[in-house]
Amino acid sequence: MKKVMSLIAVALFTATVVSCGPSAEEKAKIEENAKRVADSITNAISASMSAPTETAAAVDTAAAATATPAAEAKH
């Protein structure tokens, strides 16, 4: 009798675990979200690689602006 009850308990536990997975609709939403995130990352990387000179120019301008007052203070 204990073996039968143990088998029934294991079967119920297994059925519960299997039934808790995401539905087909939820899987589709997860895949759609993953694709959107991957596209967003790809676009951000492409944008950052296509305009490195603008960023470097902005950094150089900012560095020159902060270096000027310090250089004048030494004179």
Protein backbone atom coordinates (compact mmCIF):
# COMPACT_ATOMS: atom_id res chain seq x y z
CA MET A 1 0.00 0.00 0.00
CA LYS A 2 2.87 2.38 0.78
CA LYS A 3 4.33 1.78 -2.68
CA VAL A 4 1.03 2.60 -4.37
CA MET A 5 0.68 5.82 -2.37
CA SER A 6 4.28 6.74 -3.12
CA LEU A 7 3.74 6.19 -6.84
CA ILE A 8 0.58 8.28 -6.79
CA ALA A 9 2.39 11.07 -4.92
CA VAL A 10 5.26 11.03 -7.42
CA ALA A 11 2.81 11.05 -10.33
CA LEU A 12 0.93 14.04 -8.88
CA PHE A 13 4.15 15.91 -8.21
CA THR A 14 5.39 15.24 -11.75
CA ALA A 15 2.08 16.34 -13.27
CA THR A 16 2.17 19.53 -11.20
CA VAL A 17 5.71 20.41 -12.27
CA VAL A 18 5.02 19.72 -15.94
CA SER A 19 1.81 21.75 -15.97
CA CYS A 20 3.51 24.83 -14.47
CA GLY A 21 5.50 25.62 -17.62
CA PRO A 22 4.72 28.67 -19.77
CA SER A 23 1.92 28.47 -22.30
CA ALA A 24 2.48 28.82 -26.04
CA GLU A 25 1.28 32.44 -25.87
CA GLU A 26 3.73 33.24 -23.08
CA LYS A 27 6.56 31.57 -25.01
CA ALA A 28 5.72 33.71 -28.07
CA LYS A 29 5.79 36.88 -25.94
CA ILE A 30 9.15 35.88 -24.44
CA GLU A 31 10.63 35.21 -27.89
CA GLU A 32 9.25 38.50 -29.23
CA ASN A 33 10.72 40.42 -26.30
CA ALA A 34 14.09 38.70 -26.72
CA LYS A 35 14.13 39.60 -30.43
CA ARG A 36 13.24 43.24 -29.64
CA VAL A 37 16.04 43.47 -27.07
CA ALA A 38 18.55 41.87 -29.46
CA ASP A 39 17.56 44.30 -32.23
CA SER A 40 17.88 47.22 -29.82
CA ILE A 41 21.37 46.15 -28.77
CA THR A 42 22.39 45.67 -32.41
CA ASN A 43 21.13 49.14 -33.31
CA ALA A 44 22.94 50.72 -30.37
CA ILE A 45 26.21 49.02 -31.28
CA SER A 46 25.86 50.00 -34.93
CA ALA A 47 25.15 53.61 -33.99
CA SER A 48 28.12 53.79 -31.65
CA MET A 49 30.46 52.30 -34.24
CA SER A 50 29.31 54.60 -37.05
CA ALA A 51 30.00 57.88 -35.22
CA PRO A 52 33.20 57.56 -33.16
CA THR A 53 34.69 60.81 -34.55
CA GLU A 54 31.85 62.94 -33.16
CA THR A 55 32.40 61.50 -29.69
CA ALA A 56 36.14 62.03 -29.87
CA ALA A 57 35.64 65.61 -31.01
CA ALA A 58 33.28 66.28 -28.11
CA VAL A 59 35.77 64.84 -25.63
CA ASP A 60 38.62 66.91 -27.11
CA THR A 61 36.51 70.07 -26.92
CA ALA A 62 35.57 69.36 -23.31
CA ALA A 63 39.19 68.67 -22.41
CA ALA A 64 40.32 71.90 -24.05
CA ALA A 65 37.63 73.87 -22.21
CA THR A 66 38.69 72.53 -18.82
CA ALA A 67 42.42 72.86 -19.55
CA THR A 68 42.24 76.52 -20.54
CA PRO A 69 41.36 78.00 -17.10
CA ALA A 70 44.01 75.89 -15.40
CA ALA A 71 46.68 77.01 -17.86
CA GLU A 72 45.73 80.69 -17.37
CA ALA A 73 45.90 80.33 -13.59
CA LYS A 74 49.55 79.25 -13.79
CA HIS A 75 50.60 82.39 -15.73
